[in-house]
């Protein structure tokens, strides 16, 4: 059975319109999806980069360190880096092996990169997530801190 020519044209037009709408929808979705930043992806290497920063106490650096792991906001002061590492920090927070004890250990290390890495050696799942978060923060904040 062959469809009349006008019906075939309508079917093709509707199919084409559906494809165009689907493509536009996918393009809009793809362009608004944030890209995960990775950086050095290693807590020890990230520490070495941070230790070398010349402006680590400057206001823009401190703001970047705090805002990069926080949820994104529309604040003018944080627009360049706010929320860019939030997904990595949320993953770390959700990991049961990332305990307060390992965070306390990390804070006590100061600028000791070997010490910092040792805080996570017993928790490979947590270390993998700390590697991602710290690598991202260094990638995002080096411009503001170096």
Protein backbone atom coordinates (compact mmCIF):
# COMPACT_ATOMS: atom_id res chain seq x y z
CA UNK A 1 0.00 0.00 0.00
CA UNK A 2 1.37 3.38 -1.03
CA UNK A 3 0.50 6.53 0.88
CA UNK A 4 -0.81 9.53 -1.06
CA UNK A 5 1.90 12.04 -1.93
CA UNK A 6 0.56 14.80 0.38
CA UNK A 7 0.44 12.40 3.33
CA UNK A 8 4.01 11.25 2.64
CA UNK A 9 5.18 14.89 2.58
CA UNK A 10 3.47 15.58 5.93
CA UNK A 11 5.05 12.50 7.50
CA UNK A 12 8.49 13.56 6.25
CA UNK A 13 7.93 17.16 7.41
CA UNK A 14 6.90 16.02 10.90
CA UNK A 15 9.81 13.60 11.16
CA UNK A 16 12.21 16.35 10.05
CA UNK A 17 10.69 18.83 12.52
CA UNK A 18 11.04 16.28 15.33
CA UNK A 19 14.68 15.68 14.46
CA UNK A 20 15.41 19.40 14.36
CA UNK A 21 13.70 19.91 17.74
CA UNK A 22 15.56 16.97 19.23
CA UNK A 23 18.87 18.28 17.88
CA UNK A 24 18.22 21.77 19.24
CA UNK A 25 17.28 20.34 22.60
CA UNK A 26 20.45 18.25 22.73
CA UNK A 27 22.57 21.22 21.69
CA UNK A 28 21.07 23.38 24.43
CA UNK A 29 21.58 20.69 27.04
CA UNK A 30 25.14 20.04 25.95
CA UNK A 31 26.11 23.68 26.05
CA UNK A 32 24.82 24.20 29.60
CA UNK A 33 26.41 21.10 31.11
CA UNK A 34 29.44 22.07 33.20
CA UNK A 35 32.68 20.41 32.21
CA UNK A 36 34.40 18.58 35.05
CA UNK A 37 37.85 20.00 35.62
CA UNK A 38 40.59 17.58 36.45
CA UNK A 39 43.92 19.37 36.83
CA UNK A 40 46.85 17.30 38.12
CA UNK A 41 44.46 14.72 39.68
CA UNK A 42 46.93 13.92 42.46
CA UNK A 43 46.92 15.28 46.03
CA UNK A 44 50.74 15.29 46.29
CA UNK A 45 51.25 17.11 42.96
CA UNK A 46 48.46 19.56 43.77
CA UNK A 47 50.15 20.30 47.10
CA UNK A 48 53.46 20.96 45.35
CA UNK A 49 51.76 23.46 43.06
CA UNK A 50 50.04 25.21 45.99
CA UNK A 51 53.26 25.45 48.00
CA UNK A 52 54.89 27.30 45.08
CA UNK A 53 52.11 29.89 44.80
CA UNK A 54 53.41 33.43 45.39
CA UNK A 55 50.05 35.03 46.22
CA UNK A 56 48.43 32.33 48.40
CA UNK A 57 47.27 34.87 51.00
CA UNK A 58 45.89 37.40 48.49
CA UNK A 59 42.16 38.02 48.71
CA UNK A 60 41.48 36.70 45.21
CA UNK A 61 43.36 33.48 45.99
CA UNK A 62 41.57 32.93 49.29
CA UNK A 63 38.24 33.65 47.59
CA UNK A 64 39.05 31.17 44.84
CA UNK A 65 40.00 28.42 47.28
CA UNK A 66 36.72 28.84 49.13
CA UNK A 67 34.42 29.45 46.16
CA UNK A 68 35.78 26.78 43.79
CA UNK A 69 34.45 23.94 45.99
CA UNK A 70 31.25 25.77 46.96
CA UNK A 71 28.05 25.75 44.91
CA UNK A 72 28.17 28.17 42.00
CA UNK A 73 26.72 31.61 42.61
CA UNK A 74 26.02 34.66 40.52
CA UNK A 75 28.37 36.77 42.66
CA UNK A 76 30.57 39.07 40.59
CA UNK A 77 33.60 38.38 42.81
CA UNK A 78 33.40 34.61 42.26
CA UNK A 79 32.17 34.39 38.65
CA UNK A 80 35.49 33.12 37.26
CA UNK A 81 35.88 30.20 39.67
CA UNK A 82 32.78 29.76 41.81
CA UNK A 83 31.47 26.20 41.84
CA UNK A 84 33.97 24.82 39.31
CA UNK A 85 35.12 22.08 41.73
CA UNK A 86 31.85 21.65 43.59
CA UNK A 87 31.04 18.28 42.00
CA UNK A 88 34.40 16.86 43.11
CA UNK A 89 33.91 18.17 46.64
CA UNK A 90 30.37 16.76 46.81
CA UNK A 91 31.69 13.35 45.74
CA UNK A 92 34.31 13.53 48.49
CA UNK A 93 31.69 14.47 51.08
CA UNK A 94 29.51 11.53 50.04
CA UNK A 95 32.34 8.99 50.38
CA UNK A 96 32.15 7.21 53.78
CA UNK A 97 35.92 6.62 53.91
CA UNK A 98 36.57 10.39 53.76
CA UNK A 99 36.34 10.92 57.49
CA UNK A 100 36.92 13.85 59.76
CA UNK A 101 40.10 12.14 60.95
CA UNK A 102 41.69 12.28 57.49
CA UNK A 103 40.61 15.92 57.09
CA UNK A 104 42.09 16.78 60.52
CA UNK A 105 45.29 15.01 59.52
CA UNK A 106 45.44 17.01 56.28
CA UNK A 107 44.92 20.33 58.06
CA UNK A 108 47.72 19.50 60.52
CA UNK A 109 50.20 18.93 57.68
CA UNK A 110 50.48 22.56 56.65
CA UNK A 111 52.78 22.72 53.63
CA UNK A 112 54.02 19.12 54.04
CA UNK A 113 52.98 17.39 50.83
CA UNK A 114 54.23 13.94 51.88
CA UNK A 115 52.35 14.32 55.15
CA UNK A 116 49.21 15.33 53.28
CA UNK A 117 49.40 12.36 50.95
CA UNK A 118 49.95 10.01 53.92
CA UNK A 119 46.65 11.16 55.45
CA UNK A 120 44.79 9.35 52.66
CA UNK A 121 47.02 6.32 52.05
CA UNK A 122 44.73 3.98 54.02
CA UNK A 123 41.59 5.06 52.17
CA UNK A 124 42.01 4.53 48.43
CA UNK A 125 38.42 5.53 47.59
CA UNK A 126 38.80 8.78 49.51
CA UNK A 127 42.27 9.45 48.10
CA UNK A 128 40.94 9.13 44.55
CA UNK A 129 38.29 11.76 45.33
CA UNK A 130 40.75 14.05 47.14
CA UNK A 131 43.07 13.73 44.12
CA UNK A 132 40.22 14.93 41.90
CA UNK A 133 39.13 17.78 44.19
CA UNK A 134 42.62 19.11 44.91
CA UNK A 135 43.64 18.74 41.26
CA UNK A 136 40.61 20.73 40.23
CA UNK A 137 41.23 23.47 42.81
CA UNK A 138 44.84 23.89 41.68
CA UNK A 139 43.71 24.01 38.06
CA UNK A 140 41.05 26.63 38.82
CA UNK A 141 42.94 28.76 41.33
CA UNK A 142 46.52 28.89 40.05
CA UNK A 143 45.71 31.99 38.01
CA UNK A 144 44.45 33.78 41.14
CA UNK A 145 47.18 32.52 43.45
CA UNK A 146 50.42 32.41 41.50
